[in-house]
């Protein structure tokens, strides 16, 4: 179970990552535009998933080659 302190740290890290990404993309006032916030959250969320996708893709390729 996640403690309140850990939860606050996690939210702070996500906010910093969103801010860094928006600065990199040169987007101003990103916090006021909900659509941009949702897109950035989706990008940040999907950064962790390719590991699983690569494994599944590799298994499919191996099966196809057999």
PDB file of N, CA and C in Angstrom:
ATOM      1  N   UNK A   1       0.838  -1.186   0.000  1.00  0.00           N
ATOM      2  CA  UNK A   1       0.000   0.000   0.000  1.00  0.00           C
ATOM      3  C   UNK A   1       0.882   1.248   0.000  1.00  0.00           C
ATOM      4  N   UNK A   2       0.464   2.211  -0.745  1.00  0.00           N
ATOM      5  CA  UNK A   2       1.221   3.451  -0.901  1.00  0.00           C
ATOM      6  C   UNK A   2       0.870   4.439   0.215  1.00  0.00           C
ATOM      7  N   UNK A   3       1.872   5.002   0.848  1.00  0.00           N
ATOM      8  CA  UNK A   3       1.623   5.989   1.896  1.00  0.00           C
ATOM      9  C   UNK A   3       1.331   7.346   1.258  1.00  0.00           C
ATOM     10  N   UNK A   4       0.840   8.261   2.066  1.00  0.00           N
ATOM     11  CA  UNK A   4       0.523   9.607   1.573  1.00  0.00           C
ATOM     12  C   UNK A   4       1.782  10.321   1.077  1.00  0.00           C
ATOM     13  N   UNK A   5       2.877  10.125   1.777  1.00  0.00           N
ATOM     14  CA  UNK A   5       4.137  10.771   1.380  1.00  0.00           C
ATOM     15  C   UNK A   5       4.587  10.237   0.027  1.00  0.00           C
ATOM     16  N   UNK A   6       4.518   8.926  -0.156  1.00  0.00           N
ATOM     17  CA  UNK A   6       4.905   8.325  -1.431  1.00  0.00           C
ATOM     18  C   UNK A   6       3.990   8.795  -2.555  1.00  0.00           C
ATOM     19  N   UNK A   7       2.708   8.910  -2.251  1.00  0.00           N
ATOM     20  CA  UNK A   7       1.737   9.370  -3.247  1.00  0.00           C
ATOM     21  C   UNK A   7       2.048  10.803  -3.683  1.00  0.00           C
ATOM     22  N   UNK A   8       2.354  11.668  -2.711  1.00  0.00           N
ATOM     23  CA  UNK A   8       2.692  13.055  -3.032  1.00  0.00           C
ATOM     24  C   UNK A   8       3.967  13.134  -3.864  1.00  0.00           C
ATOM     25  N   UNK A   9       4.954  12.301  -3.523  1.00  0.00           N
ATOM     26  CA  UNK A   9       6.199  12.286  -4.290  1.00  0.00           C
ATOM     27  C   UNK A   9       5.950  11.819  -5.719  1.00  0.00           C
ATOM     28  N   UNK A  10       5.095  10.807  -5.863  1.00  0.00           N
ATOM     29  CA  UNK A  10       4.785  10.283  -7.196  1.00  0.00           C
ATOM     30  C   UNK A  10       4.089  11.349  -8.040  1.00  0.00           C
ATOM     31  N   UNK A  11       3.112  12.042  -7.445  1.00  0.00           N
ATOM     32  CA  UNK A  11       2.422  13.104  -8.175  1.00  0.00           C
ATOM     33  C   UNK A  11       3.381  14.231  -8.541  1.00  0.00           C
ATOM     34  N   UNK A  12       4.292  14.552  -7.631  1.00  0.00           N
ATOM     35  CA  UNK A  12       5.265  15.611  -7.897  1.00  0.00           C
ATOM     36  C   UNK A  12       6.180  15.219  -9.058  1.00  0.00           C
ATOM     37  N   UNK A  13       6.632  13.944  -9.072  1.00  0.00           N
ATOM     38  CA  UNK A  13       7.480  13.474 -10.171  1.00  0.00           C
ATOM     39  C   UNK A  13       6.747  13.535 -11.500  1.00  0.00           C
ATOM     40  N   UNK A  14       5.476  13.139 -11.506  1.00  0.00           N
ATOM     41  CA  UNK A  14       4.698  13.177 -12.749  1.00  0.00           C
ATOM     42  C   UNK A  14       4.523  14.607 -13.236  1.00  0.00           C
ATOM     43  N   UNK A  15       4.241  15.515 -12.305  1.00  0.00           N
ATOM     44  CA  UNK A  15       4.066  16.922 -12.670  1.00  0.00           C
ATOM     45  C   UNK A  15       5.371  17.481 -13.245  1.00  0.00           C
ATOM     46  N   UNK A  16       6.497  17.140 -12.637  1.00  0.00           N
ATOM     47  CA  UNK A  16       7.792  17.596 -13.143  1.00  0.00           C
ATOM     48  C   UNK A  16       8.071  17.018 -14.524  1.00  0.00           C
ATOM     49  N   UNK A  17       7.709  15.761 -14.732  1.00  0.00           N
ATOM     50  CA  UNK A  17       7.907  15.133 -16.041  1.00  0.00           C
ATOM     51  C   UNK A  17       7.031  15.813 -17.093  1.00  0.00           C
ATOM     52  N   UNK A  18       5.793  16.134 -16.728  1.00  0.00           N
ATOM     53  CA  UNK A  18       4.902  16.832 -17.656  1.00  0.00           C
ATOM     54  C   UNK A  18       5.465  18.210 -17.988  1.00  0.00           C
ATOM     55  N   UNK A  19       5.961  18.898 -16.981  1.00  0.00           N
ATOM     56  CA  UNK A  19       6.523  20.231 -17.191  1.00  0.00           C
ATOM     57  C   UNK A  19       7.745  20.162 -18.102  1.00  0.00           C
ATOM     58  N   UNK A  20       8.613  19.169 -17.863  1.00  0.00           N
ATOM     59  CA  UNK A  20       9.811  19.000 -18.687  1.00  0.00           C
ATOM     60  C   UNK A  20       9.440  18.720 -20.139  1.00  0.00           C
ATOM     61  N   UNK A  21       8.456  17.861 -20.326  1.00  0.00           N
ATOM     62  CA  UNK A  21       8.024  17.520 -21.674  1.00  0.00           C
ATOM     63  C   UNK A  21       7.435  18.736 -22.388  1.00  0.00           C
ATOM     64  N   UNK A  22       6.630  19.512 -21.681  1.00  0.00           N
ATOM     65  CA  UNK A  22       6.043  20.708 -22.294  1.00  0.00           C
ATOM     66  C   UNK A  22       7.102  21.750 -22.622  1.00  0.00           C
ATOM     67  N   UNK A  23       8.099  21.875 -21.782  1.00  0.00           N
ATOM     68  CA  UNK A  23       9.186  22.806 -22.083  1.00  0.00           C
ATOM     69  C   UNK A  23       9.965  22.334 -23.300  1.00  0.00           C
ATOM     70  N   UNK A  24      10.147  21.033 -23.389  1.00  0.00           N
ATOM     71  CA  UNK A  24      10.863  20.471 -24.525  1.00  0.00           C
ATOM     72  C   UNK A  24      10.077  20.716 -25.819  1.00  0.00           C
ATOM     73  N   UNK A  25       8.745  20.612 -25.730  1.00  0.00           N
ATOM     74  CA  UNK A  25       7.894  20.838 -26.898  1.00  0.00           C
ATOM     75  C   UNK A  25       7.548  22.311 -27.096  1.00  0.00           C
ATOM     76  N   UNK A  26       8.014  23.162 -26.172  1.00  0.00           N
ATOM     77  CA  UNK A  26       7.778  24.603 -26.224  1.00  0.00           C
ATOM     78  C   UNK A  26       6.279  24.926 -26.214  1.00  0.00           C
ATOM     79  N   UNK A  27       5.560  24.352 -25.240  1.00  0.00           N
ATOM     80  CA  UNK A  27       4.126  24.590 -25.090  1.00  0.00           C
ATOM     81  C   UNK A  27       3.922  25.475 -23.865  1.00  0.00           C
ATOM     82  N   UNK A  28       3.281  26.632 -24.074  1.00  0.00           N
ATOM     83  CA  UNK A  28       2.977  27.544 -22.978  1.00  0.00           C
ATOM     84  C   UNK A  28       1.557  27.295 -22.479  1.00  0.00           C
ATOM     85  N   UNK A  29       1.323  27.599 -21.218  1.00  0.00           N
ATOM     86  CA  UNK A  29       0.003  27.470 -20.577  1.00  0.00           C
ATOM     87  C   UNK A  29      -0.591  26.074 -20.733  1.00  0.00           C
ATOM     88  N   UNK A  30       0.236  25.066 -20.639  1.00  0.00           N
ATOM     89  CA  UNK A  30      -0.239  23.696 -20.832  1.00  0.00           C
ATOM     90  C   UNK A  30      -1.182  23.251 -19.730  1.00  0.00           C
ATOM     91  N   UNK A  31      -1.020  23.791 -18.510  1.00  0.00           N
ATOM     92  CA  UNK A  31      -1.872  23.375 -17.398  1.00  0.00           C
ATOM     93  C   UNK A  31      -3.318  23.807 -17.598  1.00  0.00           C
ATOM     94  N   UNK A  32      -3.547  24.878 -18.339  1.00  0.00           N
ATOM     95  CA  UNK A  32      -4.907  25.377 -18.532  1.00  0.00           C
ATOM     96  C   UNK A  32      -5.635  24.673 -19.671  1.00  0.00           C
ATOM     97  N   UNK A  33      -4.938  23.911 -20.484  1.00  0.00           N
ATOM     98  CA  UNK A  33      -5.557  23.213 -21.608  1.00  0.00           C
ATOM     99  C   UNK A  33      -5.657  21.722 -21.276  1.00  0.00           C
ATOM    100  N   UNK A  34      -6.867  21.269 -20.968  1.00  0.00           N
ATOM    101  CA  UNK A  34      -7.080  19.887 -20.528  1.00  0.00           C
ATOM    102  C   UNK A  34      -6.714  18.875 -21.606  1.00  0.00           C
ATOM    103  N   UNK A  35      -6.942  19.196 -22.862  1.00  0.00           N
ATOM    104  CA  UNK A  35      -6.607  18.268 -23.946  1.00  0.00           C
ATOM    105  C   UNK A  35      -5.098  18.019 -23.997  1.00  0.00           C
ATOM    106  N   UNK A  36      -4.326  19.074 -23.864  1.00  0.00           N
ATOM    107  CA  UNK A  36      -2.869  18.933 -23.865  1.00  0.00           C
ATOM    108  C   UNK A  36      -2.424  18.118 -22.657  1.00  0.00           C
ATOM    109  N   UNK A  37      -3.022  18.380 -21.496  1.00  0.00           N
ATOM    110  CA  UNK A  37      -2.671  17.642 -20.284  1.00  0.00           C
ATOM    111  C   UNK A  37      -2.946  16.156 -20.469  1.00  0.00           C
ATOM    112  N   UNK A  38      -4.072  15.808 -21.063  1.00  0.00           N
ATOM    113  CA  UNK A  38      -4.413  14.401 -21.291  1.00  0.00           C
ATOM    114  C   UNK A  38      -3.430  13.741 -22.255  1.00  0.00           C
ATOM    115  N   UNK A  39      -3.059  14.447 -23.308  1.00  0.00           N
ATOM    116  CA  UNK A  39      -2.102  13.898 -24.268  1.00  0.00           C
ATOM    117  C   UNK A  39      -0.736  13.661 -23.617  1.00  0.00           C
ATOM    118  N   UNK A  40      -0.303  14.603 -22.800  1.00  0.00           N
ATOM    119  CA  UNK A  40       0.987  14.467 -22.133  1.00  0.00           C
ATOM    120  C   UNK A  40       0.950  13.315 -21.139  1.00  0.00           C
ATOM    121  N   UNK A  41      -0.143  13.184 -20.410  1.00  0.00           N
ATOM    122  CA  UNK A  41      -0.282  12.059 -19.477  1.00  0.00           C
ATOM    123  C   UNK A  41      -0.213  10.735 -20.227  1.00  0.00           C
ATOM    124  N   UNK A  42      -0.833  10.678 -21.386  1.00  0.00           N
ATOM    125  CA  UNK A  42      -0.801   9.452 -22.185  1.00  0.00           C
ATOM    126  C   UNK A  42       0.625   9.139 -22.629  1.00  0.00           C
ATOM    127  N   UNK A  43       1.373  10.157 -23.015  1.00  0.00           N
ATOM    128  CA  UNK A  43       2.762   9.959 -23.437  1.00  0.00           C
ATOM    129  C   UNK A  43       3.604   9.463 -22.267  1.00  0.00           C
ATOM    130  N   UNK A  44       3.451  10.093 -21.118  1.00  0.00           N
ATOM    131  CA  UNK A  44       4.220   9.700 -19.941  1.00  0.00           C
ATOM    132  C   UNK A  44       3.846   8.296 -19.508  1.00  0.00           C
ATOM    133  N   UNK A  45       2.571   7.977 -19.559  1.00  0.00           N
ATOM    134  CA  UNK A  45       2.103   6.656 -19.128  1.00  0.00           C
ATOM    135  C   UNK A  45       2.620   5.559 -20.048  1.00  0.00           C
ATOM    136  N   UNK A  46       2.675   5.815 -21.335  1.00  0.00           N
ATOM    137  CA  UNK A  46       3.094   4.783 -22.277  1.00  0.00           C
ATOM    138  C   UNK A  46       4.603   4.592 -22.318  1.00  0.00           C
ATOM    139  N   UNK A  47       5.373   5.483 -21.703  1.00  0.00           N
ATOM    140  CA  UNK A  47       6.828   5.323 -21.700  1.00  0.00           C
ATOM    141  C   UNK A  47       7.255   4.070 -20.956  1.00  0.00           C
ATOM    142  N   UNK A  48       6.466   3.613 -20.015  1.00  0.00           N
ATOM    143  CA  UNK A  48       6.840   2.448 -19.221  1.00  0.00           C
ATOM    144  C   UNK A  48       6.415   1.146 -19.874  1.00  0.00           C
ATOM    145  N   UNK A  49       5.536   1.153 -20.845  1.00  0.00           N
ATOM    146  CA  UNK A  49       4.963  -0.060 -21.386  1.00  0.00           C
ATOM    147  C   UNK A  49       5.752  -0.748 -22.495  1.00  0.00           C
ATOM    148  N   UNK A  50       6.624  -0.111 -23.218  1.00  0.00           N
ATOM    149  CA  UNK A  50       7.290  -0.811 -24.321  1.00  0.00           C
ATOM    150  C   UNK A  50       8.037  -2.080 -23.918  1.00  0.00           C
ATOM    151  N   UNK A  51       8.499  -2.189 -22.688  1.00  0.00           N
ATOM    152  CA  UNK A  51       9.196  -3.400 -22.265  1.00  0.00           C
ATOM    153  C   UNK A  51       8.300  -4.613 -22.472  1.00  0.00           C
ATOM    154  N   UNK A  52       7.064  -4.526 -22.008  1.00  0.00           N
ATOM    155  CA  UNK A  52       6.126  -5.635 -22.160  1.00  0.00           C
ATOM    156  C   UNK A  52       5.778  -5.858 -23.623  1.00  0.00           C
ATOM    157  N   UNK A  53       5.594  -4.786 -24.360  1.00  0.00           N
ATOM    158  CA  UNK A  53       5.222  -4.911 -25.764  1.00  0.00           C
ATOM    159  C   UNK A  53       6.346  -5.561 -26.570  1.00  0.00           C
ATOM    160  N   UNK A  54       7.591  -5.239 -26.264  1.00  0.00           N
ATOM    161  CA  UNK A  54       8.718  -5.838 -26.980  1.00  0.00           C
ATOM    162  C   UNK A  54       8.770  -7.339 -26.727  1.00  0.00           C
ATOM    163  N   UNK A  55       8.500  -7.743 -25.507  1.00  0.00           N
ATOM    164  CA  UNK A  55       8.529  -9.165 -25.173  1.00  0.00           C
ATOM    165  C   UNK A  55       7.429  -9.890 -25.921  1.00  0.00           C
ATOM    166  N   UNK A  56       6.216  -9.329 -25.920  1.00  0.00           N
ATOM    167  CA  UNK A  56       5.111  -9.957 -26.637  1.00  0.00           C
ATOM    168  C   UNK A  56       5.413 -10.015 -28.129  1.00  0.00           C
ATOM    169  N   UNK A  57       5.953  -8.929 -28.677  1.00  0.00           N
ATOM    170  CA  UNK A  57       6.282  -8.891 -30.095  1.00  0.00           C
ATOM    171  C   UNK A  57       7.359  -9.902 -30.442  1.00  0.00           C
ATOM    172  N   UNK A  58       8.339 -10.047 -29.582  1.00  0.00           N
ATOM    173  CA  UNK A  58       9.414 -11.014 -29.821  1.00  0.00           C
ATOM    174  C   UNK A  58       8.867 -12.436 -29.807  1.00  0.00           C
ATOM    175  N   UNK A  59       7.938 -12.720 -28.904  1.00  0.00           N
ATOM    176  CA  UNK A  59       7.337 -14.054 -28.843  1.00  0.00           C
ATOM    177  C   UNK A  59       6.557 -14.347 -30.116  1.00  0.00           C
ATOM    178  N   UNK A  60       5.822 -13.345 -30.600  1.00  0.00           N
ATOM    179  CA  UNK A  60       5.041 -13.531 -31.824  1.00  0.00           C
ATOM    180  C   UNK A  60       5.958 -13.773 -33.021  1.00  0.00           C
ATOM    181  N   UNK A  61       7.071 -13.055 -33.072  1.00  0.00           N
ATOM    182  CA  UNK A  61       8.018 -13.219 -34.180  1.00  0.00           C
ATOM    183  C   UNK A  61       8.635 -14.614 -34.132  1.00  0.00           C
ATOM    184  N   UNK A  62       9.000 -15.064 -32.937  1.00  0.00           N
ATOM    185  CA  UNK A  62       9.590 -16.397 -32.801  1.00  0.00           C
ATOM    186  C   UNK A  62       8.602 -17.470 -33.235  1.00  0.00           C
ATOM    187  N   UNK A  63       7.321 -17.313 -32.858  1.00  0.00           N
ATOM    188  CA  UNK A  63       6.297 -18.281 -33.250  1.00  0.00           C
ATOM    189  C   UNK A  63       6.107 -18.279 -34.761  1.00  0.00           C
ATOM    190  N   UNK A  64       6.141 -17.096 -35.364  1.00  0.00           N
ATOM    191  CA  UNK A  64       5.948 -16.981 -36.807  1.00  0.00           C
ATOM    192  C   UNK A  64       7.120 -17.608 -37.565  1.00  0.00           C
ATOM    193  N   UNK A  65       8.316 -17.512 -37.014  1.00  0.00           N
ATOM    194  CA  UNK A  65       9.496 -18.063 -37.674  1.00  0.00           C
ATOM    195  C   UNK A  65       9.577 -19.582 -37.534  1.00  0.00           C
ATOM    196  N   UNK A  66       8.914 -20.130 -36.537  1.00  0.00           N
ATOM    197  CA  UNK A  66       8.981 -21.583 -36.306  1.00  0.00           C
ATOM    198  C   UNK A  66       8.225 -22.364 -37.339  1.00  0.00           C
TER     199      UNK A  66
END
